[in-house]
Every structure is written in structure tokens, then in C-alpha cells.
């Protein structure tokens, strides 16, 4: 099974919708799909199936990982690592200074992955999307 990252295309939309529902349910479908349609978006395909994806939004100095999702079937197969590494290289090619993301504090595997790649905690926020949620602002300097 060879995984590869490709730019998100309209032909990926159906599989990305299924990915979003698999990971977060229908509640977040419209917002996350909007990010895929309007940001620099990428998918990881395994045997023609979308196993994960991410959206990147960037400005003058930083790249925001707006979404980074991996289908539950493909977790622990290096898909998240592949996407995060790609995001860092993408930001470096654009000569940006930071890569950042807001990570749900309950998502221990994601927090571990970000720390492994040198991201540091720069703050936190609660009640951002739902009552009693909690997110950590993770940031990596590319200098």
C-alpha cells in the first residue's frame, strides 16, 4: 500500500465528505468542507481511497493547519505524520516563519505528534466551538 499526497480536487469531494463524517460526524461537515473548498487543501490516498486530508491557510508570516484529519481505518499508519511533514515543507517553500494549529486537548495522539515535530504550546482556549471544549494553540517556528 503506497500512500501519496495530492492536491484536493472536486473529484475527491465525495470521499472527503465521507472522511469528515467518519472523523467528526455530520455536525461539522459544512464548515470543514468549506475549508477544503477554499484553502490550499491536500488529501492522502491509499489504493485510490482518501485516507486523510488537511487544509492550509496562510498569511504573510504563518501557515495555519485549519484541518488535519485521518480516517479511523487508517490511524496509526503514518498518515498524520505524512500530512504534518508536508505542511511544514509547504510553509518552508513559501518562506513562512511559523506553522500553527489549534488542537483539541482530548486528542492525545495529535498532541504527541505535534510535540514530536517540535511544536510548542503557546496558549489555550475553552468553549471555542462547544461548551466545555478545550483547545491548545500549538506553534512551530521555521527559523
Protein backbone atom coordinates (compact mmCIF):
# COMPACT_ATOMS: atom_id res chain seq x y z
CA UNK A 1 0.00 0.00 0.00
CA UNK A 2 1.65 3.21 -1.19
CA UNK A 3 0.33 6.44 0.29
CA UNK A 4 0.70 9.70 -1.58
CA UNK A 5 -0.36 13.28 -1.04
CA UNK A 6 -2.16 15.08 -3.83
CA UNK A 7 -3.89 18.42 -4.07
CA UNK A 8 -7.60 18.18 -3.23
CA UNK A 9 -9.79 18.21 -6.34
CA UNK A 10 -13.52 18.31 -6.97
CA UNK A 11 -13.34 14.60 -7.82
CA UNK A 12 -12.18 13.95 -4.21
CA UNK A 13 -15.18 15.76 -2.71
CA UNK A 14 -17.39 12.70 -2.14
CA UNK A 15 -14.63 10.80 -0.35
CA UNK A 16 -13.62 13.87 1.67
CA UNK A 17 -17.24 14.28 2.80
CA UNK A 18 -17.22 10.66 3.97
CA UNK A 19 -13.87 11.29 5.73
CA UNK A 20 -15.25 14.30 7.59
CA UNK A 21 -18.34 12.38 8.71
CA UNK A 22 -16.12 9.46 9.79
CA UNK A 23 -13.93 11.71 11.92
CA UNK A 24 -16.28 14.41 13.24
CA UNK A 25 -19.80 13.42 12.23
CA UNK A 26 -22.28 15.44 10.21
CA UNK A 27 -22.29 18.34 12.63
CA UNK A 28 -19.06 19.81 11.28
CA UNK A 29 -19.49 18.69 7.65
CA UNK A 30 -20.42 22.05 6.11
CA UNK A 31 -17.67 24.03 7.84
CA UNK A 32 -14.87 21.56 7.22
CA UNK A 33 -15.93 21.01 3.62
CA UNK A 34 -15.93 24.79 3.17
CA UNK A 35 -12.30 24.82 4.36
CA UNK A 36 -11.38 22.10 1.85
CA UNK A 37 -13.05 24.07 -0.94
CA UNK A 38 -11.48 27.44 -0.06
CA UNK A 39 -7.99 26.79 1.32
CA UNK A 40 -4.91 25.08 -0.06
CA UNK A 41 -6.14 21.55 0.55
CA UNK A 42 -4.50 18.16 0.22
CA UNK A 43 -5.52 14.52 0.56
CA UNK A 44 -3.62 11.32 1.20
CA UNK A 45 -4.73 8.44 -0.96
CA UNK A 46 -4.13 4.76 -0.33
CA UNK A 47 -5.15 2.46 -3.17
CA UNK A 48 -7.35 5.23 -4.58
CA UNK A 49 -9.14 5.86 -1.27
CA UNK A 50 -8.87 9.13 0.66
CA UNK A 51 -7.29 8.13 3.99
CA UNK A 52 -6.70 11.64 5.32
CA UNK A 53 -6.55 15.27 4.41
CA UNK A 54 -5.66 18.77 5.50
CA UNK A 55 -6.39 22.36 4.70
CA UNK A 56 -3.74 25.06 4.93
CA UNK A 57 -4.47 28.74 5.22
CA UNK A 58 -1.55 31.11 5.16
CA UNK A 59 -0.67 34.73 5.52
CA UNK A 60 2.46 36.84 5.43
CA UNK A 61 4.29 35.03 8.23
CA UNK A 62 2.45 31.88 9.17
CA UNK A 63 0.68 28.79 7.90
CA UNK A 64 -2.44 27.67 9.78
CA UNK A 65 -3.31 24.00 9.67
CA UNK A 66 -7.02 24.68 9.57
CA UNK A 67 -7.92 20.97 9.35
CA UNK A 68 -5.83 17.81 9.64
CA UNK A 69 -7.92 14.65 9.64
CA UNK A 70 -7.25 10.93 9.28
CA UNK A 71 -9.90 8.28 8.66
CA UNK A 72 -10.27 5.99 11.67
CA UNK A 73 -9.50 2.96 9.47
CA UNK A 74 -6.06 4.37 8.62
CA UNK A 75 -4.92 5.67 12.01
CA UNK A 76 -1.53 4.51 13.26
CA UNK A 77 -0.33 4.08 9.65
CA UNK A 78 1.71 7.31 9.45
CA UNK A 79 -0.92 9.35 7.59
CA UNK A 80 -0.96 12.19 10.16
CA UNK A 81 2.84 12.22 10.22
CA UNK A 82 2.91 12.40 6.44
CA UNK A 83 0.45 15.30 6.35
CA UNK A 84 2.16 17.27 9.12
CA UNK A 85 5.58 16.85 7.48
CA UNK A 86 4.11 18.03 4.18
CA UNK A 87 2.57 21.09 5.86
CA UNK A 88 5.94 22.05 7.35
CA UNK A 89 7.70 21.68 3.98
CA UNK A 90 4.90 23.64 2.29
CA UNK A 91 5.36 26.52 4.75
CA UNK A 92 9.13 26.46 4.25
CA UNK A 93 8.71 26.62 0.45
CA UNK A 94 6.50 29.69 0.92
CA UNK A 95 9.22 31.17 3.20
CA UNK A 96 6.82 31.44 6.13
CA UNK A 97 8.08 31.71 9.71
CA UNK A 98 5.55 29.59 11.65
CA UNK A 99 3.16 26.68 11.33
CA UNK A 100 0.34 26.65 13.84
CA UNK A 101 -2.82 24.76 14.75
CA UNK A 102 -5.46 24.59 17.47
CA UNK A 103 -5.61 21.03 18.82
CA UNK A 104 -8.38 19.54 20.94
CA UNK A 105 -6.86 18.73 24.35
CA UNK A 106 -8.63 15.34 24.29
CA UNK A 107 -6.75 14.37 21.13
CA UNK A 108 -3.65 12.93 22.81
CA UNK A 109 -2.23 11.25 19.66
CA UNK A 110 -2.35 14.59 17.79
CA UNK A 111 -0.71 16.46 20.67
CA UNK A 112 2.04 13.82 20.79
CA UNK A 113 2.59 14.12 17.03
CA UNK A 114 2.83 17.90 17.14
CA UNK A 115 5.33 17.79 20.02
CA UNK A 116 7.40 15.19 18.13
CA UNK A 117 7.66 17.67 15.25
CA UNK A 118 8.82 20.48 17.54
CA UNK A 119 5.54 22.31 18.07
CA UNK A 120 5.18 24.09 21.39
CA UNK A 121 2.13 25.15 23.32
CA UNK A 122 1.51 28.90 23.09
CA UNK A 123 -1.83 29.15 24.79
CA UNK A 124 -5.19 27.54 25.23
CA UNK A 125 -8.86 28.38 24.96
CA UNK A 126 -12.05 26.81 26.27
CA UNK A 127 -15.60 26.92 24.96
CA UNK A 128 -14.37 27.75 21.45
CA UNK A 129 -16.76 25.61 19.40
CA UNK A 130 -18.84 23.92 22.06
CA UNK A 131 -19.47 24.28 25.75
CA UNK A 132 -16.74 22.59 27.79
CA UNK A 133 -14.34 22.08 24.89
CA UNK A 134 -10.67 22.91 25.28
CA UNK A 135 -8.03 23.60 22.64
CA UNK A 136 -4.28 24.16 22.76
CA UNK A 137 -2.55 26.59 20.39
CA UNK A 138 0.45 24.68 19.01
CA UNK A 139 3.09 26.52 17.02
CA UNK A 140 6.38 25.61 15.34
CA UNK A 141 8.98 28.15 14.38
CA UNK A 142 10.60 27.58 11.00
CA UNK A 143 13.51 29.98 11.58
